[in-house]
Amino acid sequence: MSRSEKACKMFELVESWRASGQSRQQFCATHDIKVAKLAYWISRKNKYDHHSTGSSGGGFIAIEPTVAHPQTAKVALHYPNGVRLEIAHPDEQLIARLIRLW
């Protein structure tokens, strides 16, 4: 089975779980799979859905600075894991590198 075939199969299983109304544990027991495996594929499906729909929830957005004094500007980056960085003297290259870290 190719990777894409396996992903399709597992994505279908994730959709079945979502429609079932069962807990993860119940669903996994019924389908003889480990809870961790289902959790992994739920995560993969969520990422796939996010990228395929172009959803902006939790992603990065374009901004236009409106600061009268750029030397006093601050930029704050909020990562999905809760980390927040505030940069007192933003530099485009530094910000780009910090964004690519995630």
C-alpha atoms as a PDB file:
ATOM      1  CA  MET A   1       0.000   0.000   0.000  1.00  0.00           C
ATOM      2  CA  SER A   2       1.444   3.400  -0.956  1.00  0.00           C
ATOM      3  CA  ARG A   3       1.700   6.290   1.493  1.00  0.00           C
ATOM      4  CA  SER A   4      -1.122   8.173  -0.174  1.00  0.00           C
ATOM      5  CA  GLU A   5      -3.347   5.087  -0.125  1.00  0.00           C
ATOM      6  CA  LYS A   6      -2.623   4.578   3.568  1.00  0.00           C
ATOM      7  CA  ALA A   7      -3.321   8.254   4.291  1.00  0.00           C
ATOM      8  CA  CYS A   8      -6.653   8.037   2.432  1.00  0.00           C
ATOM      9  CA  LYS A   9      -7.586   4.906   4.370  1.00  0.00           C
ATOM     10  CA  MET A  10      -6.681   6.465   7.706  1.00  0.00           C
ATOM     11  CA  PHE A  11      -8.407   9.772   6.867  1.00  0.00           C
ATOM     12  CA  GLU A  12     -11.557   7.760   6.145  1.00  0.00           C
ATOM     13  CA  LEU A  13     -11.162   6.064   9.515  1.00  0.00           C
ATOM     14  CA  VAL A  14     -10.854   9.484  11.194  1.00  0.00           C
ATOM     15  CA  GLU A  15     -14.061  10.605   9.475  1.00  0.00           C
ATOM     16  CA  SER A  16     -15.768   7.397  10.620  1.00  0.00           C
ATOM     17  CA  TRP A  17     -14.685   8.096  14.194  1.00  0.00           C
ATOM     18  CA  ARG A  18     -15.984  11.683  13.993  1.00  0.00           C
ATOM     19  CA  ALA A  19     -19.355  10.487  12.684  1.00  0.00           C
ATOM     20  CA  SER A  20     -19.601   7.627  15.194  1.00  0.00           C
ATOM     21  CA  GLY A  21     -20.106   9.713  18.320  1.00  0.00           C
ATOM     22  CA  GLN A  22     -17.891   7.263  20.199  1.00  0.00           C
ATOM     23  CA  SER A  23     -14.946   8.157  22.379  1.00  0.00           C
ATOM     24  CA  ARG A  24     -11.517   7.489  20.927  1.00  0.00           C
ATOM     25  CA  GLN A  25     -11.097   4.527  23.264  1.00  0.00           C
ATOM     26  CA  GLN A  26     -14.413   2.958  22.263  1.00  0.00           C
ATOM     27  CA  PHE A  27     -13.793   3.468  18.559  1.00  0.00           C
ATOM     28  CA  CYS A  28     -10.262   2.047  18.759  1.00  0.00           C
ATOM     29  CA  ALA A  29     -11.437  -1.025  20.646  1.00  0.00           C
ATOM     30  CA  THR A  30     -14.115  -1.645  18.010  1.00  0.00           C
ATOM     31  CA  HIS A  31     -11.673  -1.212  15.104  1.00  0.00           C
ATOM     32  CA  ASP A  32      -8.702  -2.922  16.791  1.00  0.00           C
ATOM     33  CA  ILE A  33      -6.289   0.017  16.552  1.00  0.00           C
ATOM     34  CA  LYS A  34      -4.282   1.831  19.184  1.00  0.00           C
ATOM     35  CA  VAL A  35      -5.568   5.135  20.551  1.00  0.00           C
ATOM     36  CA  ALA A  36      -2.191   6.753  19.833  1.00  0.00           C
ATOM     37  CA  LYS A  37      -2.426   5.735  16.172  1.00  0.00           C
ATOM     38  CA  LEU A  38      -5.874   7.271  15.857  1.00  0.00           C
ATOM     39  CA  ALA A  39      -4.659  10.438  17.592  1.00  0.00           C
ATOM     40  CA  TYR A  40      -1.745  10.666  15.148  1.00  0.00           C
ATOM     41  CA  TRP A  41      -4.036  10.406  12.140  1.00  0.00           C
ATOM     42  CA  ILE A  42      -6.546  12.863  13.630  1.00  0.00           C
ATOM     43  CA  SER A  43      -3.679  15.345  13.892  1.00  0.00           C
ATOM     44  CA  ARG A  44      -2.564  14.649  10.311  1.00  0.00           C
ATOM     45  CA  LYS A  45      -6.155  15.023   9.045  1.00  0.00           C
ATOM     46  CA  ASN A  46      -6.590  18.319  10.883  1.00  0.00           C
ATOM     47  CA  LYS A  47      -3.383  19.677   9.323  1.00  0.00           C
ATOM     48  CA  TYR A  48      -4.450  18.442   5.894  1.00  0.00           C
ATOM     49  CA  ASP A  49      -7.883  20.036   6.245  1.00  0.00           C
ATOM     50  CA  HIS A  50      -6.312  23.299   7.428  1.00  0.00           C
ATOM     51  CA  HIS A  51      -3.931  23.485   4.456  1.00  0.00           C
ATOM     52  CA  SER A  52      -6.428  22.311   1.836  1.00  0.00           C
ATOM     53  CA  THR A  53      -9.122  24.817   2.837  1.00  0.00           C
ATOM     54  CA  GLY A  54      -6.757  27.759   3.170  1.00  0.00           C
ATOM     55  CA  SER A  55      -8.138  28.408   6.630  1.00  0.00           C
ATOM     56  CA  SER A  56      -6.490  31.263   8.468  1.00  0.00           C
ATOM     57  CA  GLY A  57      -7.359  29.985  11.945  1.00  0.00           C
ATOM     58  CA  GLY A  58      -4.119  29.849  13.892  1.00  0.00           C
ATOM     59  CA  GLY A  59      -1.977  30.686  10.880  1.00  0.00           C
ATOM     60  CA  PHE A  60       0.062  33.695   9.917  1.00  0.00           C
ATOM     61  CA  ILE A  61      -1.482  36.778   8.351  1.00  0.00           C
ATOM     62  CA  ALA A  62      -0.016  39.707   6.439  1.00  0.00           C
ATOM     63  CA  ILE A  63       0.310  42.969   8.354  1.00  0.00           C
ATOM     64  CA  GLU A  64       0.918  46.564   7.368  1.00  0.00           C
ATOM     65  CA  PRO A  65       2.907  48.577   9.923  1.00  0.00           C
ATOM     66  CA  THR A  66       1.305  51.863  10.916  1.00  0.00           C
ATOM     67  CA  VAL A  67       3.892  53.131  13.389  1.00  0.00           C
ATOM     68  CA  ALA A  68       4.869  56.786  13.085  1.00  0.00           C
ATOM     69  CA  HIS A  69       8.301  56.085  14.612  1.00  0.00           C
ATOM     70  CA  PRO A  70       9.673  52.770  13.252  1.00  0.00           C
ATOM     71  CA  GLN A  71      12.634  52.847  15.666  1.00  0.00           C
ATOM     72  CA  THR A  72      10.196  52.356  18.580  1.00  0.00           C
ATOM     73  CA  ALA A  73       8.102  49.681  16.859  1.00  0.00           C
ATOM     74  CA  LYS A  74       7.563  46.308  18.491  1.00  0.00           C
ATOM     75  CA  VAL A  75       6.495  43.052  16.914  1.00  0.00           C
ATOM     76  CA  ALA A  76       4.914  40.200  18.834  1.00  0.00           C
ATOM     77  CA  LEU A  77       4.886  36.645  17.506  1.00  0.00           C
ATOM     78  CA  HIS A  78       2.447  34.155  19.023  1.00  0.00           C
ATOM     79  CA  TYR A  79       3.261  30.527  18.283  1.00  0.00           C
ATOM     80  CA  PRO A  80       0.564  27.832  18.409  1.00  0.00           C
ATOM     81  CA  ASN A  81       2.293  26.172  21.376  1.00  0.00           C
ATOM     82  CA  GLY A  82       1.701  29.299  23.499  1.00  0.00           C
ATOM     83  CA  VAL A  83       5.166  30.839  23.199  1.00  0.00           C
ATOM     84  CA  ARG A  84       5.067  34.601  22.711  1.00  0.00           C
ATOM     85  CA  LEU A  85       8.046  36.635  21.474  1.00  0.00           C
ATOM     86  CA  GLU A  86       8.185  40.412  21.564  1.00  0.00           C
ATOM     87  CA  ILE A  87      10.883  42.033  19.448  1.00  0.00           C
ATOM     88  CA  ALA A  88      11.751  45.646  20.271  1.00  0.00           C
ATOM     89  CA  HIS A  89      13.623  46.476  17.053  1.00  0.00           C
ATOM     90  CA  PRO A  90      12.060  44.298  14.359  1.00  0.00           C
ATOM     91  CA  ASP A  91      14.137  43.327  11.384  1.00  0.00           C
ATOM     92  CA  GLU A  92      12.388  41.622   8.443  1.00  0.00           C
ATOM     93  CA  GLN A  93      15.028  38.910   8.134  1.00  0.00           C
ATOM     94  CA  LEU A  94      14.940  38.123  11.847  1.00  0.00           C
ATOM     95  CA  ILE A  95      11.150  37.922  11.837  1.00  0.00           C
ATOM     96  CA  ALA A  96      11.226  35.647   8.781  1.00  0.00           C
ATOM     97  CA  ARG A  97      13.702  33.307  10.511  1.00  0.00           C
ATOM     98  CA  LEU A  98      11.592  33.221  13.668  1.00  0.00           C
ATOM     99  CA  ILE A  99       8.485  32.397  11.673  1.00  0.00           C
ATOM    100  CA  ARG A 100      10.269  29.547   9.876  1.00  0.00           C
ATOM    101  CA  LEU A 101      11.263  28.070  13.257  1.00  0.00           C
ATOM    102  CA  TRP A 102       7.734  26.916  13.774  1.00  0.00           C
END
